[in-house]
Amino acid sequence: MRIKRKIYSTLIDNCPAAPPEVGGVLGGNNGIITNCAMDFPANANRNNRYAPDTEKLNSILTEWAGKGITFYGMFHTHFPLGYSLSKEDEEYIRRIMYAMPAYVEYLFFPVVVPGYGMASFKAVRESMAIRIKTDSITIIF
């Protein structure tokens, strides 16, 4: 995952440490994440999982598309040291990928641990299956 330093810092420093399980969307151009939109819904942390405000996020994605910003994935937060995906996270990622048009070959799904760092995961379309793998993070100045 290639991400602008400003966006990386925004995710690490501006996501609330408590409650975990909030998130948002990522966008960019030319393979680099240049934009993020936070989604901290009122029902955050209900059942200890991120439940996105899809109406709000879809509106943001529509606005971005009008500006030439491509949807590159979603992020969400975890507790300190919680850098891995849960089975529920993986199922949700697969649902998103299967809902995307066939030309979308991959999306990024980083897990942010506010104040500490993040782990990047990349969902890749392989024939009829979706493979989720860890991905390196390259910060672009």
Foldseek 3Di string as FASTA:
>chain_A
DEEAPVVQCCLQAVDDLPPFAWKWWFWAPPPYTDDTDGFDDPCGCPVHHHDGPVVVRVVVCVVVVVVVIGTAGMETEDHPPPADDDPVRVVVVQVVVVPDPPVPFKHKYWYHNHNPGIWIWMWGDDPPDIDIDTDDYHHDD
